[in-house]
Amino acid sequence: MKVHEPAAQNATRAAELFAALDQPVWKGRALWALSATRSGQGRAADADKAARGALALGRRCGDLYGVGNALNMLMF
């Protein structure tokens, strides 16, 4: 859906900015948002890729909220 694409672009840009700032928690949450938008577009492989990235970051930095949301996205 076209309505999801601006959100996906914003989430992607946010992930890039948080990576540049060395903020893994927020990069992971941006990837979670990207996963949600890609899921809404029916792009399951892209949604899973973003969710796996969010999961890895959440585990690495101890962000249990981020881990839970990433796992939820992988379940969908």
C-alpha atoms as a PDB file:
ATOM      1  CA  MET A   1       0.000   0.000   0.000  1.00  0.00           C
ATOM      2  CA  LYS A   2       1.198   3.476  -0.786  1.00  0.00           C
ATOM      3  CA  VAL A   3       0.238   4.724   2.649  1.00  0.00           C
ATOM      4  CA  HIS A   4       2.963   2.565   4.232  1.00  0.00           C
ATOM      5  CA  GLU A   5       5.837   3.728   2.035  1.00  0.00           C
ATOM      6  CA  PRO A   6       6.423   7.128   3.720  1.00  0.00           C
ATOM      7  CA  ALA A   7       6.534   5.350   7.082  1.00  0.00           C
ATOM      8  CA  ALA A   8       9.021   2.811   5.718  1.00  0.00           C
ATOM      9  CA  GLN A   9      11.213   5.596   4.356  1.00  0.00           C
ATOM     10  CA  ASN A  10      11.126   7.434   7.682  1.00  0.00           C
ATOM     11  CA  ALA A  11      11.930   4.263   9.635  1.00  0.00           C
ATOM     12  CA  THR A  12      14.835   3.492   7.321  1.00  0.00           C
ATOM     13  CA  ARG A  13      16.217   7.007   7.675  1.00  0.00           C
ATOM     14  CA  ALA A  14      15.778   6.892  11.454  1.00  0.00           C
ATOM     15  CA  ALA A  15      17.711   3.599  11.602  1.00  0.00           C
ATOM     16  CA  GLU A  16      20.521   5.184   9.596  1.00  0.00           C
ATOM     17  CA  LEU A  17      20.648   8.238  11.837  1.00  0.00           C
ATOM     18  CA  PHE A  18      20.618   6.204  15.040  1.00  0.00           C
ATOM     19  CA  ALA A  19      23.388   3.993  13.652  1.00  0.00           C
ATOM     20  CA  ALA A  20      25.472   7.084  12.925  1.00  0.00           C
ATOM     21  CA  LEU A  21      24.872   8.270  16.494  1.00  0.00           C
ATOM     22  CA  ASP A  22      25.826   4.844  17.893  1.00  0.00           C
ATOM     23  CA  GLN A  23      22.375   4.398  19.476  1.00  0.00           C
ATOM     24  CA  PRO A  24      21.626   0.671  19.018  1.00  0.00           C
ATOM     25  CA  VAL A  25      18.434   0.662  21.089  1.00  0.00           C
ATOM     26  CA  TRP A  26      16.827   3.308  18.893  1.00  0.00           C
ATOM     27  CA  LYS A  27      18.200   1.810  15.687  1.00  0.00           C
ATOM     28  CA  GLY A  28      16.575  -1.483  16.703  1.00  0.00           C
ATOM     29  CA  ARG A  29      13.271   0.204  17.379  1.00  0.00           C
ATOM     30  CA  ALA A  30      13.428   1.963  14.018  1.00  0.00           C
ATOM     31  CA  LEU A  31      14.004  -1.425  12.385  1.00  0.00           C
ATOM     32  CA  TRP A  32      10.997  -2.752  14.283  1.00  0.00           C
ATOM     33  CA  ALA A  33       8.934   0.102  12.805  1.00  0.00           C
ATOM     34  CA  LEU A  34      10.292  -0.751   9.371  1.00  0.00           C
ATOM     35  CA  SER A  35       9.297  -4.365   9.920  1.00  0.00           C
ATOM     36  CA  ALA A  36       5.765  -3.313  10.819  1.00  0.00           C
ATOM     37  CA  THR A  37       5.414  -1.164   7.721  1.00  0.00           C
ATOM     38  CA  ARG A  38       6.793  -3.856   5.430  1.00  0.00           C
ATOM     39  CA  SER A  39       4.399  -6.339   6.987  1.00  0.00           C
ATOM     40  CA  GLY A  40       1.534  -3.953   6.296  1.00  0.00           C
ATOM     41  CA  GLN A  41       2.633  -3.871   2.669  1.00  0.00           C
ATOM     42  CA  GLY A  42       2.581  -7.657   2.484  1.00  0.00           C
ATOM     43  CA  ARG A  43       6.360  -7.770   2.055  1.00  0.00           C
ATOM     44  CA  ALA A  44       7.005 -10.645   4.462  1.00  0.00           C
ATOM     45  CA  ALA A  45      10.656 -11.282   3.557  1.00  0.00           C
ATOM     46  CA  ASP A  46      11.552  -7.615   4.035  1.00  0.00           C
ATOM     47  CA  ALA A  47       9.561  -7.473   7.269  1.00  0.00           C
ATOM     48  CA  ASP A  48      11.385 -10.534   8.605  1.00  0.00           C
ATOM     49  CA  LYS A  49      14.774  -9.118   7.630  1.00  0.00           C
ATOM     50  CA  ALA A  50      14.100  -5.879   9.514  1.00  0.00           C
ATOM     51  CA  ALA A  51      12.703  -7.790  12.507  1.00  0.00           C
ATOM     52  CA  ARG A  52      15.793 -10.037  12.645  1.00  0.00           C
ATOM     53  CA  GLY A  53      17.987  -6.928  12.651  1.00  0.00           C
ATOM     54  CA  ALA A  54      15.909  -5.396  15.436  1.00  0.00           C
ATOM     55  CA  LEU A  55      16.077  -8.638  17.396  1.00  0.00           C
ATOM     56  CA  ALA A  56      19.860  -8.858  17.122  1.00  0.00           C
ATOM     57  CA  LEU A  57      20.301  -5.269  18.275  1.00  0.00           C
ATOM     58  CA  GLY A  58      17.834  -5.667  21.121  1.00  0.00           C
ATOM     59  CA  ARG A  59      19.604  -8.761  22.387  1.00  0.00           C
ATOM     60  CA  ARG A  60      23.020  -7.168  22.050  1.00  0.00           C
ATOM     61  CA  CYS A  61      22.141  -4.113  24.114  1.00  0.00           C
ATOM     62  CA  GLY A  62      19.614  -5.668  26.511  1.00  0.00           C
ATOM     63  CA  ASP A  63      16.522  -3.886  25.185  1.00  0.00           C
ATOM     64  CA  LEU A  64      13.866  -6.372  26.258  1.00  0.00           C
ATOM     65  CA  TYR A  65      11.027  -4.217  24.923  1.00  0.00           C
ATOM     66  CA  GLY A  66      12.726  -4.161  21.529  1.00  0.00           C
ATOM     67  CA  VAL A  67      13.377  -7.914  21.686  1.00  0.00           C
ATOM     68  CA  GLY A  68       9.724  -8.603  22.456  1.00  0.00           C
ATOM     69  CA  ASN A  69       8.462  -6.427  19.636  1.00  0.00           C
ATOM     70  CA  ALA A  70      10.904  -7.964  17.157  1.00  0.00           C
ATOM     71  CA  LEU A  71       9.815 -11.449  18.175  1.00  0.00           C
ATOM     72  CA  ASN A  72       6.177 -10.441  17.762  1.00  0.00           C
ATOM     73  CA  MET A  73       6.912  -9.250  14.233  1.00  0.00           C
ATOM     74  CA  LEU A  74       8.620 -12.536  13.419  1.00  0.00           C
ATOM     75  CA  MET A  75       5.565 -14.405  14.672  1.00  0.00           C
ATOM     76  CA  PHE A  76       3.276 -12.464  12.329  1.00  0.00           C
END
